[in-house]
PDB file of all heavy atoms in Angstrom:
ATOM      1  N   GLU A   1       0.802  -1.224   0.000  1.00  0.00           N
ATOM      2  CA  GLU A   1       0.000   0.000   0.000  1.00  0.00           C
ATOM      3  C   GLU A   1       0.835   1.275   0.000  1.00  0.00           C
ATOM      4  O   GLU A   1       0.400   2.301  -0.515  1.00  0.00           O
ATOM      5  CB  GLU A   1      -0.954   0.017   1.212  1.00  0.00           C
ATOM      6  CG  GLU A   1      -2.006  -1.056   1.195  1.00  0.00           C
ATOM      7  CD  GLU A   1      -3.083  -0.850   0.146  1.00  0.00           C
ATOM      8  OE1 GLU A   1      -3.094   0.189  -0.544  1.00  0.00           O
ATOM      9  OE2 GLU A   1      -3.930  -1.747   0.000  1.00  0.00           O
ATOM     10  N   VAL A   2       2.021   1.228   0.589  1.00  0.00           N
ATOM     11  CA  VAL A   2       2.825   2.441   0.726  1.00  0.00           C
ATOM     12  C   VAL A   2       4.059   2.410  -0.172  1.00  0.00           C
ATOM     13  O   VAL A   2       4.214   3.249  -1.059  1.00  0.00           O
ATOM     14  CB  VAL A   2       3.239   2.679   2.201  1.00  0.00           C
ATOM     15  CG1 VAL A   2       4.107   3.918   2.327  1.00  0.00           C
ATOM     16  CG2 VAL A   2       1.999   2.796   3.081  1.00  0.00           C
ATOM     17  N   MET A   3       4.919   1.450   0.031  1.00  0.00           N
ATOM     18  CA  MET A   3       6.206   1.441  -0.675  1.00  0.00           C
ATOM     19  C   MET A   3       6.057   1.165  -2.168  1.00  0.00           C
ATOM     20  O   MET A   3       6.821   1.668  -2.971  1.00  0.00           O
ATOM     21  CB  MET A   3       7.152   0.418  -0.031  1.00  0.00           C
ATOM     22  CG  MET A   3       7.448   0.717   1.440  1.00  0.00           C
ATOM     23  SD  MET A   3       8.018   2.398   1.768  1.00  0.00           S
ATOM     24  CE  MET A   3       9.707   2.272   1.247  1.00  0.00           C
ATOM     25  N   GLU A   4       5.062   0.355  -2.551  1.00  0.00           N
ATOM     26  CA  GLU A   4       4.862   0.026  -3.960  1.00  0.00           C
ATOM     27  C   GLU A   4       3.730   0.831  -4.595  1.00  0.00           C
ATOM     28  O   GLU A   4       3.348   0.558  -5.731  1.00  0.00           O
ATOM     29  CB  GLU A   4       4.589  -1.475  -4.099  1.00  0.00           C
ATOM     30  CG  GLU A   4       5.763  -2.328  -3.653  1.00  0.00           C
ATOM     31  CD  GLU A   4       5.476  -3.821  -3.666  1.00  0.00           C
ATOM     32  OE1 GLU A   4       4.454  -4.239  -4.249  1.00  0.00           O
ATOM     33  OE2 GLU A   4       6.268  -4.566  -3.081  1.00  0.00           O
ATOM     34  N   SER A   5       3.234   1.834  -3.911  1.00  0.00           N
ATOM     35  CA  SER A   5       2.121   2.643  -4.423  1.00  0.00           C
ATOM     36  C   SER A   5       2.565   3.449  -5.641  1.00  0.00           C
ATOM     37  O   SER A   5       3.660   4.007  -5.664  1.00  0.00           O
ATOM     38  CB  SER A   5       1.614   3.592  -3.341  1.00  0.00           C
ATOM     39  OG  SER A   5       0.609   4.441  -3.874  1.00  0.00           O
ATOM     40  N   ASP A   6       1.696   3.515  -6.645  1.00  0.00           N
ATOM     41  CA  ASP A   6       1.995   4.339  -7.817  1.00  0.00           C
ATOM     42  C   ASP A   6       1.558   5.785  -7.598  1.00  0.00           C
ATOM     43  O   ASP A   6       1.769   6.639  -8.446  1.00  0.00           O
ATOM     44  CB  ASP A   6       1.341   3.756  -9.073  1.00  0.00           C
ATOM     45  CG  ASP A   6      -0.161   3.609  -8.944  1.00  0.00           C
ATOM     46  OD1 ASP A   6      -0.693   3.739  -7.820  1.00  0.00           O
ATOM     47  OD2 ASP A   6      -0.821   3.359  -9.978  1.00  0.00           O
ATOM     48  N   LYS A   7       0.952   6.051  -6.441  1.00  0.00           N
ATOM     49  CA  LYS A   7       0.533   7.413  -6.076  1.00  0.00           C
ATOM     50  C   LYS A   7       1.305   7.852  -4.838  1.00  0.00           C
ATOM     51  O   LYS A   7       1.721   7.015  -4.038  1.00  0.00           O
ATOM     52  CB  LYS A   7      -0.962   7.434  -5.712  1.00  0.00           C
ATOM     53  CG  LYS A   7      -1.891   7.030  -6.816  1.00  0.00           C
ATOM     54  CD  LYS A   7      -3.323   7.041  -6.286  1.00  0.00           C
ATOM     55  CE  LYS A   7      -4.314   6.644  -7.356  1.00  0.00           C
ATOM     56  NZ  LYS A   7      -5.694   6.670  -6.843  1.00  0.00           N
ATOM     57  N   PRO A   8       1.461   9.162  -4.644  1.00  0.00           N
ATOM     58  CA  PRO A   8       2.023   9.624  -3.367  1.00  0.00           C
ATOM     59  C   PRO A   8       1.122   9.170  -2.214  1.00  0.00           C
ATOM     60  O   PRO A   8      -0.101   9.093  -2.377  1.00  0.00           O
ATOM     61  CB  PRO A   8       1.992  11.149  -3.499  1.00  0.00           C
ATOM     62  CG  PRO A   8       1.920  11.411  -4.961  1.00  0.00           C
ATOM     63  CD  PRO A   8       1.166  10.259  -5.558  1.00  0.00           C
ATOM     64  N   VAL A   9       1.730   8.872  -1.074  1.00  0.00           N
ATOM     65  CA  VAL A   9       0.983   8.394   0.089  1.00  0.00           C
ATOM     66  C   VAL A   9       1.156   9.372   1.245  1.00  0.00           C
ATOM     67  O   VAL A   9       2.277   9.694   1.633  1.00  0.00           O
ATOM     68  CB  VAL A   9       1.465   6.989   0.526  1.00  0.00           C
ATOM     69  CG1 VAL A   9       0.659   6.490   1.727  1.00  0.00           C
ATOM     70  CG2 VAL A   9       1.376   6.001  -0.630  1.00  0.00           C
ATOM     71  N   LEU A  10       0.030   9.846   1.772  1.00  0.00           N
ATOM     72  CA  LEU A  10       0.020  10.651   2.985  1.00  0.00           C
ATOM     73  C   LEU A  10      -0.242   9.705   4.143  1.00  0.00           C
ATOM     74  O   LEU A  10      -1.288   9.048   4.185  1.00  0.00           O
ATOM     75  CB  LEU A  10      -1.074  11.719   2.918  1.00  0.00           C
ATOM     76  CG  LEU A  10      -1.319  12.523   4.197  1.00  0.00           C
ATOM     77  CD1 LEU A  10      -0.095  13.366   4.553  1.00  0.00           C
ATOM     78  CD2 LEU A  10      -2.549  13.407   4.044  1.00  0.00           C
ATOM     79  N   LEU A  11       0.703   9.595   5.061  1.00  0.00           N
ATOM     80  CA  LEU A  11       0.557   8.724   6.229  1.00  0.00           C
ATOM     81  C   LEU A  11       0.345   9.559   7.482  1.00  0.00           C
ATOM     82  O   LEU A  11       1.055  10.536   7.712  1.00  0.00           O
ATOM     83  CB  LEU A  11       1.815   7.873   6.443  1.00  0.00           C
ATOM     84  CG  LEU A  11       2.008   6.650   5.580  1.00  0.00           C
ATOM     85  CD1 LEU A  11       3.288   5.928   5.995  1.00  0.00           C
ATOM     86  CD2 LEU A  11       0.825   5.708   5.662  1.00  0.00           C
ATOM     87  N   ASP A  12      -0.628   9.142   8.269  1.00  0.00           N
ATOM     88  CA  ASP A  12      -0.919   9.769   9.551  1.00  0.00           C
ATOM     89  C   ASP A  12      -0.578   8.770  10.645  1.00  0.00           C
ATOM     90  O   ASP A  12      -1.234   7.733  10.768  1.00  0.00           O
ATOM     91  CB  ASP A  12      -2.403  10.156   9.602  1.00  0.00           C
ATOM     92  CG  ASP A  12      -2.840  10.711  10.946  1.00  0.00           C
ATOM     93  OD1 ASP A  12      -1.975  11.145  11.725  1.00  0.00           O
ATOM     94  OD2 ASP A  12      -4.060  10.706  11.209  1.00  0.00           O
ATOM     95  N   PHE A  13       0.476   9.038  11.400  1.00  0.00           N
ATOM     96  CA  PHE A  13       0.831   8.211  12.557  1.00  0.00           C
ATOM     97  C   PHE A  13       0.082   8.788  13.756  1.00  0.00           C
ATOM     98  O   PHE A  13       0.279   9.953  14.105  1.00  0.00           O
ATOM     99  CB  PHE A  13       2.339   8.247  12.800  1.00  0.00           C
ATOM    100  CG  PHE A  13       3.132   7.510  11.753  1.00  0.00           C
ATOM    101  CD1 PHE A  13       3.497   8.138  10.573  1.00  0.00           C
ATOM    102  CD2 PHE A  13       3.495   6.192  11.949  1.00  0.00           C
ATOM    103  CE1 PHE A  13       4.227   7.462   9.605  1.00  0.00           C
ATOM    104  CE2 PHE A  13       4.227   5.505  10.988  1.00  0.00           C
ATOM    105  CZ  PHE A  13       4.592   6.141   9.811  1.00  0.00           C
ATOM    106  N   TRP A  14      -0.756   7.986  14.389  1.00  0.00           N
ATOM    107  CA  TRP A  14      -1.678   8.478  15.408  1.00  0.00           C
ATOM    108  C   TRP A  14      -1.917   7.414  16.483  1.00  0.00           C
ATOM    109  O   TRP A  14      -1.435   6.282  16.371  1.00  0.00           O
ATOM    110  CB  TRP A  14      -3.012   8.847  14.760  1.00  0.00           C
ATOM    111  CG  TRP A  14      -3.750   7.620  14.288  1.00  0.00           C
ATOM    112  CD1 TRP A  14      -3.472   6.846  13.203  1.00  0.00           C
ATOM    113  CD2 TRP A  14      -4.854   6.995  14.939  1.00  0.00           C
ATOM    114  NE1 TRP A  14      -4.336   5.788  13.121  1.00  0.00           N
ATOM    115  CE2 TRP A  14      -5.196   5.856  14.176  1.00  0.00           C
ATOM    116  CE3 TRP A  14      -5.592   7.287  16.079  1.00  0.00           C
ATOM    117  CZ2 TRP A  14      -6.247   5.007  14.533  1.00  0.00           C
ATOM    118  CZ3 TRP A  14      -6.635   6.442  16.423  1.00  0.00           C
ATOM    119  CH2 TRP A  14      -6.954   5.325  15.652  1.00  0.00           C
ATOM    120  N   ALA A  15      -2.677   7.787  17.509  1.00  0.00           N
ATOM    121  CA  ALA A  15      -3.151   6.856  18.538  1.00  0.00           C
ATOM    122  C   ALA A  15      -4.509   7.360  19.026  1.00  0.00           C
ATOM    123  O   ALA A  15      -4.756   8.569  19.038  1.00  0.00           O
ATOM    124  CB  ALA A  15      -2.164   6.769  19.697  1.00  0.00           C
ATOM    125  N   PRO A  16      -5.396   6.436  19.424  1.00  0.00           N
ATOM    126  CA  PRO A  16      -6.743   6.845  19.826  1.00  0.00           C
ATOM    127  C   PRO A  16      -6.788   7.740  21.067  1.00  0.00           C
ATOM    128  O   PRO A  16      -7.697   8.535  21.220  1.00  0.00           O
ATOM    129  CB  PRO A  16      -7.470   5.520  20.087  1.00  0.00           C
ATOM    130  CG  PRO A  16      -6.485   4.432  19.923  1.00  0.00           C
ATOM    131  CD  PRO A  16      -5.209   5.001  19.393  1.00  0.00           C
ATOM    132  N   TRP A  17      -5.794   7.670  21.928  1.00  0.00           N
ATOM    133  CA  TRP A  17      -5.786   8.454  23.171  1.00  0.00           C
ATOM    134  C   TRP A  17      -5.204   9.857  22.975  1.00  0.00           C
ATOM    135  O   TRP A  17      -5.203  10.664  23.894  1.00  0.00           O
ATOM    136  CB  TRP A  17      -4.971   7.724  24.246  1.00  0.00           C
ATOM    137  CG  TRP A  17      -3.648   7.234  23.753  1.00  0.00           C
ATOM    138  CD1 TRP A  17      -3.361   5.979  23.304  1.00  0.00           C
ATOM    139  CD2 TRP A  17      -2.430   7.979  23.614  1.00  0.00           C
ATOM    140  NE1 TRP A  17      -2.040   5.902  22.896  1.00  0.00           N
ATOM    141  CE2 TRP A  17      -1.454   7.125  23.077  1.00  0.00           C
ATOM    142  CE3 TRP A  17      -2.072   9.300  23.890  1.00  0.00           C
ATOM    143  CZ2 TRP A  17      -0.152   7.527  22.815  1.00  0.00           C
ATOM    144  CZ3 TRP A  17      -0.767   9.707  23.626  1.00  0.00           C
ATOM    145  CH2 TRP A  17       0.171   8.816  23.102  1.00  0.00           C
ATOM    146  N   CYS A  18      -4.715  10.161  21.787  1.00  0.00           N
ATOM    147  CA  CYS A  18      -4.003  11.410  21.509  1.00  0.00           C
ATOM    148  C   CYS A  18      -4.973  12.504  21.078  1.00  0.00           C
ATOM    149  O   CYS A  18      -5.599  12.400  20.018  1.00  0.00           O
ATOM    150  CB  CYS A  18      -2.960  11.123  20.431  1.00  0.00           C
ATOM    151  SG  CYS A  18      -2.251  12.566  19.645  1.00  0.00           S
ATOM    152  N   GLY A  19      -5.103  13.551  21.888  1.00  0.00           N
ATOM    153  CA  GLY A  19      -6.010  14.659  21.586  1.00  0.00           C
ATOM    154  C   GLY A  19      -5.719  15.353  20.265  1.00  0.00           C
ATOM    155  O   GLY A  19      -6.612  15.502  19.428  1.00  0.00           O
ATOM    156  N   PRO A  20      -4.467  15.794  20.031  1.00  0.00           N
ATOM    157  CA  PRO A  20      -4.161  16.427  18.747  1.00  0.00           C
ATOM    158  C   PRO A  20      -4.410  15.494  17.550  1.00  0.00           C
ATOM    159  O   PRO A  20      -4.769  15.953  16.469  1.00  0.00           O
ATOM    160  CB  PRO A  20      -2.681  16.790  18.871  1.00  0.00           C
ATOM    161  CG  PRO A  20      -2.459  16.936  20.352  1.00  0.00           C
ATOM    162  CD  PRO A  20      -3.354  15.896  20.985  1.00  0.00           C
ATOM    163  N   CYS A  21      -4.218  14.197  17.747  1.00  0.00           N
ATOM    164  CA  CYS A  21      -4.489  13.234  16.663  1.00  0.00           C
ATOM    165  C   CYS A  21      -5.963  13.283  16.280  1.00  0.00           C
ATOM    166  O   CYS A  21      -6.303  13.218  15.095  1.00  0.00           O
ATOM    167  CB  CYS A  21      -4.136  11.811  17.093  1.00  0.00           C
ATOM    168  SG  CYS A  21      -2.381  11.561  17.467  1.00  0.00           S
ATOM    169  N   ARG A  22      -6.827  13.404  17.279  1.00  0.00           N
ATOM    170  CA  ARG A  22      -8.276  13.457  17.005  1.00  0.00           C
ATOM    171  C   ARG A  22      -8.642  14.723  16.245  1.00  0.00           C
ATOM    172  O   ARG A  22      -9.631  14.741  15.522  1.00  0.00           O
ATOM    173  CB  ARG A  22      -9.065  13.326  18.304  1.00  0.00           C
ATOM    174  CG  ARG A  22      -8.988  11.925  18.898  1.00  0.00           C
ATOM    175  CD  ARG A  22     -10.034  11.687  19.972  1.00  0.00           C
ATOM    176  NE  ARG A  22      -9.866  12.555  21.120  1.00  0.00           N
ATOM    177  CZ  ARG A  22      -9.156  12.252  22.206  1.00  0.00           C
ATOM    178  NH1 ARG A  22      -8.531  11.099  22.273  1.00  0.00           N
ATOM    179  NH2 ARG A  22      -9.075  13.105  23.209  1.00  0.00           N
ATOM    180  N   GLN A  23      -7.843  15.787  16.384  1.00  0.00           N
ATOM    181  CA  GLN A  23      -8.080  17.005  15.610  1.00  0.00           C
ATOM    182  C   GLN A  23      -7.715  16.809  14.140  1.00  0.00           C
ATOM    183  O   GLN A  23      -8.334  17.393  13.258  1.00  0.00           O
ATOM    184  CB  GLN A  23      -7.252  18.166  16.168  1.00  0.00           C
ATOM    185  CG  GLN A  23      -7.669  18.624  17.547  1.00  0.00           C
ATOM    186  CD  GLN A  23      -6.731  19.705  18.067  1.00  0.00           C
ATOM    187  OE1 GLN A  23      -5.517  19.618  17.930  1.00  0.00           O
ATOM    188  NE2 GLN A  23      -7.308  20.736  18.666  1.00  0.00           N
ATOM    189  N   VAL A  24      -6.701  16.005  13.883  1.00  0.00           N
ATOM    190  CA  VAL A  24      -6.197  15.802  12.533  1.00  0.00           C
ATOM    191  C   VAL A  24      -7.025  14.783  11.750  1.00  0.00           C
ATOM    192  O   VAL A  24      -7.174  14.900  10.534  1.00  0.00           O
ATOM    193  CB  VAL A  24      -4.704  15.376  12.584  1.00  0.00           C
ATOM    194  CG1 VAL A  24      -4.195  14.936  11.224  1.00  0.00           C
ATOM    195  CG2 VAL A  24      -3.860  16.510  13.126  1.00  0.00           C
ATOM    196  N   VAL A  25      -7.610  13.805  12.437  1.00  0.00           N
ATOM    197  CA  VAL A  25      -8.331  12.720  11.759  1.00  0.00           C
ATOM    198  C   VAL A  25      -9.382  13.222  10.762  1.00  0.00           C
ATOM    199  O   VAL A  25      -9.398  12.768   9.615  1.00  0.00           O
ATOM    200  CB  VAL A  25      -8.951  11.734  12.785  1.00  0.00           C
ATOM    201  CG1 VAL A  25      -9.977  10.816  12.131  1.00  0.00           C
ATOM    202  CG2 VAL A  25      -7.865  10.908  13.437  1.00  0.00           C
ATOM    203  N   PRO A  26     -10.265  14.163  11.127  1.00  0.00           N
ATOM    204  CA  PRO A  26     -11.266  14.604  10.134  1.00  0.00           C
ATOM    205  C   PRO A  26     -10.624  15.252   8.901  1.00  0.00           C
ATOM    206  O   PRO A  26     -11.124  15.095   7.786  1.00  0.00           O
ATOM    207  CB  PRO A  26     -12.116  15.627  10.883  1.00  0.00           C
ATOM    208  CG  PRO A  26     -11.787  15.493  12.325  1.00  0.00           C
ATOM    209  CD  PRO A  26     -10.457  14.805  12.424  1.00  0.00           C
ATOM    210  N   LEU A  27      -9.516  15.949   9.092  1.00  0.00           N
ATOM    211  CA  LEU A  27      -8.827  16.580   7.968  1.00  0.00           C
ATOM    212  C   LEU A  27      -8.233  15.528   7.039  1.00  0.00           C
ATOM    213  O   LEU A  27      -8.336  15.634   5.812  1.00  0.00           O
ATOM    214  CB  LEU A  27      -7.730  17.519   8.478  1.00  0.00           C
ATOM    215  CG  LEU A  27      -8.165  18.625   9.437  1.00  0.00           C
ATOM    216  CD1 LEU A  27      -6.969  19.416   9.923  1.00  0.00           C
ATOM    217  CD2 LEU A  27      -9.194  19.526   8.783  1.00  0.00           C
TER     218      LEU A  27
END
């Protein structure tokens, strides 16, 4: 999905307990 993708990949490293992560998820 990532290394062999023919498209650029935007990866979001997150965790469910992380407040700022929850702000980024909808975006």
